[in-house]
């Protein structure tokens, strides 16, 4: 058992038999009344996000989550195959658990997999990845970097918005949390 003082971003709580990942937390001390901790938590299985408030100092049940480094190997139907970087065991994880991370994963990419009692909970990617644009409409004469954006498909098949001057074959940095274009990579 832990207390609300131990809540941090990424902490996994066990509430009513379900696992919840803390996305945001804020310790609030109002002028009148007792302090409390306001949290935004995400259900690890369903992905549902809810706001939850705990009284300061209250006992909470934290889940034992093991974050280990894996390497993404390949896609097998709807499942994804990963290899543990320490003991080289291969693990198959369903697309429901991988979620939006599939839009940014290339073969042989290093990822972090959160495990609870040997069951994969979710995939953590680096903050940004470098992907190559495989298709985008050609820019027109006079297009400038401050002009606007156009859709572009990257090598994973995901579509992002990029500036008008970018062409096929250009490597770009993409934010894995939002899917936003961050810049060109030389």
C-alpha atoms as a PDB file:
ATOM      1  CA  UNK A   1       0.000   0.000   0.000  1.00  0.00           C
ATOM      2  CA  UNK A   2       1.182   3.486  -0.849  1.00  0.00           C
ATOM      3  CA  UNK A   3      -0.239   6.919  -0.130  1.00  0.00           C
ATOM      4  CA  UNK A   4      -1.344   9.686  -2.460  1.00  0.00           C
ATOM      5  CA  UNK A   5       2.057  11.338  -1.873  1.00  0.00           C
ATOM      6  CA  UNK A   6       3.581   8.563  -4.018  1.00  0.00           C
ATOM      7  CA  UNK A   7       1.468   9.383  -7.106  1.00  0.00           C
ATOM      8  CA  UNK A   8       3.573  10.394 -10.119  1.00  0.00           C
ATOM      9  CA  UNK A   9       2.991  10.431 -13.880  1.00  0.00           C
ATOM     10  CA  UNK A  10       3.247   6.848 -15.117  1.00  0.00           C
ATOM     11  CA  UNK A  11       2.298   5.256 -11.788  1.00  0.00           C
ATOM     12  CA  UNK A  12      -0.110   2.339 -12.243  1.00  0.00           C
ATOM     13  CA  UNK A  13      -2.886   2.136  -9.656  1.00  0.00           C
ATOM     14  CA  UNK A  14      -5.132  -0.833  -8.907  1.00  0.00           C
ATOM     15  CA  UNK A  15      -8.667   0.501  -8.381  1.00  0.00           C
ATOM     16  CA  UNK A  16     -11.638  -1.880  -8.057  1.00  0.00           C
ATOM     17  CA  UNK A  17      -9.660  -4.722  -9.625  1.00  0.00           C
ATOM     18  CA  UNK A  18      -8.696  -2.704 -12.710  1.00  0.00           C
ATOM     19  CA  UNK A  19      -5.345  -1.139 -13.600  1.00  0.00           C
ATOM     20  CA  UNK A  20      -5.204   2.619 -14.194  1.00  0.00           C
ATOM     21  CA  UNK A  21      -2.180   4.579 -15.449  1.00  0.00           C
ATOM     22  CA  UNK A  22      -1.707   8.111 -14.043  1.00  0.00           C
ATOM     23  CA  UNK A  23      -1.500  10.605 -16.936  1.00  0.00           C
ATOM     24  CA  UNK A  24      -1.579  13.821 -14.887  1.00  0.00           C
ATOM     25  CA  UNK A  25      -1.746  14.650 -11.214  1.00  0.00           C
ATOM     26  CA  UNK A  26      -2.000  17.857  -9.217  1.00  0.00           C
ATOM     27  CA  UNK A  27      -1.678  18.311  -5.458  1.00  0.00           C
ATOM     28  CA  UNK A  28      -4.272  20.905  -4.401  1.00  0.00           C
ATOM     29  CA  UNK A  29      -4.273  22.730  -1.044  1.00  0.00           C
ATOM     30  CA  UNK A  30      -7.359  24.922  -0.874  1.00  0.00           C
ATOM     31  CA  UNK A  31      -7.503  27.755   1.654  1.00  0.00           C
ATOM     32  CA  UNK A  32     -10.323  26.038   3.472  1.00  0.00           C
ATOM     33  CA  UNK A  33     -10.636  22.300   4.010  1.00  0.00           C
ATOM     34  CA  UNK A  34      -8.223  19.435   3.550  1.00  0.00           C
ATOM     35  CA  UNK A  35      -5.708  18.982   0.768  1.00  0.00           C
ATOM     36  CA  UNK A  36      -6.422  16.551  -2.064  1.00  0.00           C
ATOM     37  CA  UNK A  37      -4.813  15.100  -5.175  1.00  0.00           C
ATOM     38  CA  UNK A  38      -6.629  15.587  -8.485  1.00  0.00           C
ATOM     39  CA  UNK A  39      -5.629  13.002 -11.093  1.00  0.00           C
ATOM     40  CA  UNK A  40      -6.389  12.106 -14.687  1.00  0.00           C
ATOM     41  CA  UNK A  41      -6.077   8.345 -15.053  1.00  0.00           C
ATOM     42  CA  UNK A  42      -6.316   6.042 -18.069  1.00  0.00           C
ATOM     43  CA  UNK A  43      -7.617   2.493 -17.926  1.00  0.00           C
ATOM     44  CA  UNK A  44      -4.757   0.279 -19.105  1.00  0.00           C
ATOM     45  CA  UNK A  45      -7.054  -2.257 -20.803  1.00  0.00           C
ATOM     46  CA  UNK A  46      -9.827  -0.126 -22.338  1.00  0.00           C
ATOM     47  CA  UNK A  47      -7.998   3.202 -22.777  1.00  0.00           C
ATOM     48  CA  UNK A  48     -10.831   5.108 -21.067  1.00  0.00           C
ATOM     49  CA  UNK A  49      -9.639   8.339 -19.402  1.00  0.00           C
ATOM     50  CA  UNK A  50     -11.351   9.601 -16.242  1.00  0.00           C
ATOM     51  CA  UNK A  51     -10.732  12.262 -13.607  1.00  0.00           C
ATOM     52  CA  UNK A  52     -10.390  10.974 -10.052  1.00  0.00           C
ATOM     53  CA  UNK A  53      -9.803  12.864  -6.793  1.00  0.00           C
ATOM     54  CA  UNK A  54      -8.092  11.372  -3.743  1.00  0.00           C
ATOM     55  CA  UNK A  55      -7.837  12.892  -0.262  1.00  0.00           C
ATOM     56  CA  UNK A  56      -4.234  13.783   0.600  1.00  0.00           C
ATOM     57  CA  UNK A  57      -2.507  11.047   2.571  1.00  0.00           C
ATOM     58  CA  UNK A  58      -5.145   8.425   1.682  1.00  0.00           C
ATOM     59  CA  UNK A  59      -3.921   4.880   1.100  1.00  0.00           C
ATOM     60  CA  UNK A  60      -3.902   3.709  -2.523  1.00  0.00           C
ATOM     61  CA  UNK A  61      -3.060   0.365  -4.059  1.00  0.00           C
ATOM     62  CA  UNK A  62      -0.283   0.535  -6.643  1.00  0.00           C
ATOM     63  CA  UNK A  63       0.277  -2.262  -9.147  1.00  0.00           C
ATOM     64  CA  UNK A  64       3.667  -3.809  -9.736  1.00  0.00           C
ATOM     65  CA  UNK A  65       4.577  -2.848 -13.292  1.00  0.00           C
ATOM     66  CA  UNK A  66       7.805  -3.985 -14.887  1.00  0.00           C
ATOM     67  CA  UNK A  67       9.002  -1.783 -17.776  1.00  0.00           C
ATOM     68  CA  UNK A  68      11.399  -3.694 -20.003  1.00  0.00           C
ATOM     69  CA  UNK A  69      13.201  -2.914 -23.244  1.00  0.00           C
ATOM     70  CA  UNK A  70      11.968  -4.836 -26.272  1.00  0.00           C
ATOM     71  CA  UNK A  71      12.723  -4.724 -29.970  1.00  0.00           C
ATOM     72  CA  UNK A  72       9.847  -4.673 -32.467  1.00  0.00           C
ATOM     73  CA  UNK A  73      10.428  -7.471 -34.979  1.00  0.00           C
ATOM     74  CA  UNK A  74       7.451  -7.750 -37.342  1.00  0.00           C
ATOM     75  CA  UNK A  75       3.673  -7.703 -37.723  1.00  0.00           C
ATOM     76  CA  UNK A  76       1.909 -11.072 -37.822  1.00  0.00           C
ATOM     77  CA  UNK A  77      -1.698 -10.565 -38.969  1.00  0.00           C
ATOM     78  CA  UNK A  78      -3.307  -8.339 -36.318  1.00  0.00           C
ATOM     79  CA  UNK A  79      -0.564  -9.101 -33.772  1.00  0.00           C
ATOM     80  CA  UNK A  80       2.889  -7.632 -33.301  1.00  0.00           C
ATOM     81  CA  UNK A  81       5.971  -9.688 -32.401  1.00  0.00           C
ATOM     82  CA  UNK A  82       8.546  -8.219 -30.012  1.00  0.00           C
ATOM     83  CA  UNK A  83      11.836  -9.596 -28.684  1.00  0.00           C
ATOM     84  CA  UNK A  84      13.016  -9.027 -25.118  1.00  0.00           C
ATOM     85  CA  UNK A  85      16.396  -7.266 -25.325  1.00  0.00           C
ATOM     86  CA  UNK A  86      17.769  -9.055 -22.243  1.00  0.00           C
ATOM     87  CA  UNK A  87      16.872 -12.735 -22.711  1.00  0.00           C
ATOM     88  CA  UNK A  88      15.838 -12.734 -26.405  1.00  0.00           C
ATOM     89  CA  UNK A  89      12.397 -14.254 -25.711  1.00  0.00           C
ATOM     90  CA  UNK A  90       9.775 -13.401 -28.327  1.00  0.00           C
ATOM     91  CA  UNK A  91       6.401 -12.064 -27.213  1.00  0.00           C
ATOM     92  CA  UNK A  92       3.298 -11.609 -29.374  1.00  0.00           C
ATOM     93  CA  UNK A  93       1.182  -8.592 -28.425  1.00  0.00           C
ATOM     94  CA  UNK A  94      -2.277  -7.890 -29.833  1.00  0.00           C
ATOM     95  CA  UNK A  95      -3.115  -4.748 -31.785  1.00  0.00           C
ATOM     96  CA  UNK A  96      -5.541  -3.623 -29.041  1.00  0.00           C
ATOM     97  CA  UNK A  97      -2.618  -3.270 -26.597  1.00  0.00           C
ATOM     98  CA  UNK A  98      -0.222  -1.742 -29.150  1.00  0.00           C
ATOM     99  CA  UNK A  99      -2.865   0.834 -30.147  1.00  0.00           C
ATOM    100  CA  UNK A 100      -1.706   4.029 -31.899  1.00  0.00           C
ATOM    101  CA  UNK A 101       1.957   3.105 -31.370  1.00  0.00           C
ATOM    102  CA  UNK A 102       1.632   0.943 -34.507  1.00  0.00           C
ATOM    103  CA  UNK A 103       1.554   4.146 -36.592  1.00  0.00           C
ATOM    104  CA  UNK A 104       5.133   4.974 -35.614  1.00  0.00           C
ATOM    105  CA  UNK A 105       6.871   1.580 -35.245  1.00  0.00           C
ATOM    106  CA  UNK A 106       9.438   0.370 -37.746  1.00  0.00           C
ATOM    107  CA  UNK A 107      10.973  -3.085 -37.714  1.00  0.00           C
ATOM    108  CA  UNK A 108      13.966  -3.454 -35.336  1.00  0.00           C
ATOM    109  CA  UNK A 109      12.906  -0.339 -33.381  1.00  0.00           C
ATOM    110  CA  UNK A 110      13.510  -0.272 -29.616  1.00  0.00           C
ATOM    111  CA  UNK A 111      10.362   0.149 -27.497  1.00  0.00           C
ATOM    112  CA  UNK A 112       9.478  -0.174 -23.813  1.00  0.00           C
ATOM    113  CA  UNK A 113       6.770  -2.659 -22.869  1.00  0.00           C
ATOM    114  CA  UNK A 114       5.037  -2.375 -19.495  1.00  0.00           C
ATOM    115  CA  UNK A 115       4.294  -5.800 -18.016  1.00  0.00           C
ATOM    116  CA  UNK A 116       2.106  -6.723 -15.028  1.00  0.00           C
ATOM    117  CA  UNK A 117       2.539 -10.325 -13.857  1.00  0.00           C
ATOM    118  CA  UNK A 118       3.892 -11.238 -17.301  1.00  0.00           C
ATOM    119  CA  UNK A 119       0.943  -9.699 -19.183  1.00  0.00           C
ATOM    120  CA  UNK A 120       1.729  -6.774 -21.507  1.00  0.00           C
ATOM    121  CA  UNK A 121      -0.208  -3.627 -20.561  1.00  0.00           C
ATOM    122  CA  UNK A 122       0.931  -0.975 -23.035  1.00  0.00           C
ATOM    123  CA  UNK A 123       3.774   0.099 -25.339  1.00  0.00           C
ATOM    124  CA  UNK A 124       5.917   3.189 -24.750  1.00  0.00           C
ATOM    125  CA  UNK A 125       7.725   4.713 -27.726  1.00  0.00           C
ATOM    126  CA  UNK A 126      10.439   7.376 -27.725  1.00  0.00           C
ATOM    127  CA  UNK A 127       9.061  10.953 -27.775  1.00  0.00           C
ATOM    128  CA  UNK A 128       9.853  11.235 -31.498  1.00  0.00           C
ATOM    129  CA  UNK A 129      10.813   8.945 -34.366  1.00  0.00           C
ATOM    130  CA  UNK A 130      12.373   9.515 -37.782  1.00  0.00           C
ATOM    131  CA  UNK A 131      10.217   8.313 -40.690  1.00  0.00           C
ATOM    132  CA  UNK A 132      10.545   8.644 -44.459  1.00  0.00           C
ATOM    133  CA  UNK A 133       7.791  10.190 -46.572  1.00  0.00           C
ATOM    134  CA  UNK A 134       6.678   7.594 -49.113  1.00  0.00           C
ATOM    135  CA  UNK A 135       4.001   9.651 -50.857  1.00  0.00           C
ATOM    136  CA  UNK A 136       2.963  13.268 -50.972  1.00  0.00           C
ATOM    137  CA  UNK A 137       1.614  15.509 -53.707  1.00  0.00           C
ATOM    138  CA  UNK A 138       4.309  17.641 -55.340  1.00  0.00           C
ATOM    139  CA  UNK A 139       4.584  21.213 -54.112  1.00  0.00           C
ATOM    140  CA  UNK A 140       3.752  24.065 -56.430  1.00  0.00           C
ATOM    141  CA  UNK A 141       6.034  26.876 -57.564  1.00  0.00           C
ATOM    142  CA  UNK A 142       6.023  29.559 -54.895  1.00  0.00           C
ATOM    143  CA  UNK A 143       5.377  27.234 -51.942  1.00  0.00           C
ATOM    144  CA  UNK A 144       7.246  28.459 -48.874  1.00  0.00           C
ATOM    145  CA  UNK A 145       7.972  26.976 -45.472  1.00  0.00           C
ATOM    146  CA  UNK A 146       5.503  29.352 -43.815  1.00  0.00           C
ATOM    147  CA  UNK A 147       2.750  28.753 -46.380  1.00  0.00           C
ATOM    148  CA  UNK A 148       0.614  25.856 -45.279  1.00  0.00           C
ATOM    149  CA  UNK A 149       0.499  22.116 -44.981  1.00  0.00           C
ATOM    150  CA  UNK A 150      -0.383  19.112 -47.111  1.00  0.00           C
ATOM    151  CA  UNK A 151      -1.005  15.451 -46.266  1.00  0.00           C
ATOM    152  CA  UNK A 152       1.917  13.040 -46.557  1.00  0.00           C
ATOM    153  CA  UNK A 153       2.075   9.272 -46.039  1.00  0.00           C
ATOM    154  CA  UNK A 154       5.092   7.964 -44.104  1.00  0.00           C
ATOM    155  CA  UNK A 155       6.678   4.512 -44.428  1.00  0.00           C
ATOM    156  CA  UNK A 156       4.444   2.979 -41.720  1.00  0.00           C
ATOM    157  CA  UNK A 157       1.347   3.928 -43.743  1.00  0.00           C
ATOM    158  CA  UNK A 158       0.334   6.687 -41.317  1.00  0.00           C
ATOM    159  CA  UNK A 159      -0.688  10.064 -42.740  1.00  0.00           C
ATOM    160  CA  UNK A 160       0.636  13.321 -41.256  1.00  0.00           C
ATOM    161  CA  UNK A 161       0.475  17.007 -42.202  1.00  0.00           C
ATOM    162  CA  UNK A 162       3.764  18.444 -43.513  1.00  0.00           C
ATOM    163  CA  UNK A 163       4.850  21.788 -45.004  1.00  0.00           C
ATOM    164  CA  UNK A 164       4.250  22.269 -48.729  1.00  0.00           C
ATOM    165  CA  UNK A 165       7.934  22.171 -49.740  1.00  0.00           C
ATOM    166  CA  UNK A 166       8.587  18.559 -48.600  1.00  0.00           C
ATOM    167  CA  UNK A 167       8.895  15.834 -51.241  1.00  0.00           C
ATOM    168  CA  UNK A 168       8.838  12.025 -51.474  1.00  0.00           C
ATOM    169  CA  UNK A 169      11.860  10.378 -49.851  1.00  0.00           C
ATOM    170  CA  UNK A 170      12.406  13.144 -47.287  1.00  0.00           C
ATOM    171  CA  UNK A 171      13.106  11.946 -43.742  1.00  0.00           C
ATOM    172  CA  UNK A 172      11.054  13.764 -41.108  1.00  0.00           C
ATOM    173  CA  UNK A 173      10.864  13.708 -37.321  1.00  0.00           C
ATOM    174  CA  UNK A 174       7.375  12.884 -35.999  1.00  0.00           C
ATOM    175  CA  UNK A 175       6.045  13.302 -32.438  1.00  0.00           C
ATOM    176  CA  UNK A 176       4.775   9.864 -31.305  1.00  0.00           C
ATOM    177  CA  UNK A 177       2.301  11.309 -28.783  1.00  0.00           C
ATOM    178  CA  UNK A 178       0.424  13.620 -31.174  1.00  0.00           C
ATOM    179  CA  UNK A 179       1.474  12.534 -34.677  1.00  0.00           C
ATOM    180  CA  UNK A 180       2.692  16.072 -35.466  1.00  0.00           C
ATOM    181  CA  UNK A 181       5.493  16.914 -37.895  1.00  0.00           C
ATOM    182  CA  UNK A 182       8.518  18.212 -35.940  1.00  0.00           C
ATOM    183  CA  UNK A 183      11.054  18.905 -38.695  1.00  0.00           C
ATOM    184  CA  UNK A 184      13.288  17.525 -41.429  1.00  0.00           C
ATOM    185  CA  UNK A 185      16.181  15.198 -40.705  1.00  0.00           C
ATOM    186  CA  UNK A 186      19.324  15.374 -42.841  1.00  0.00           C
END
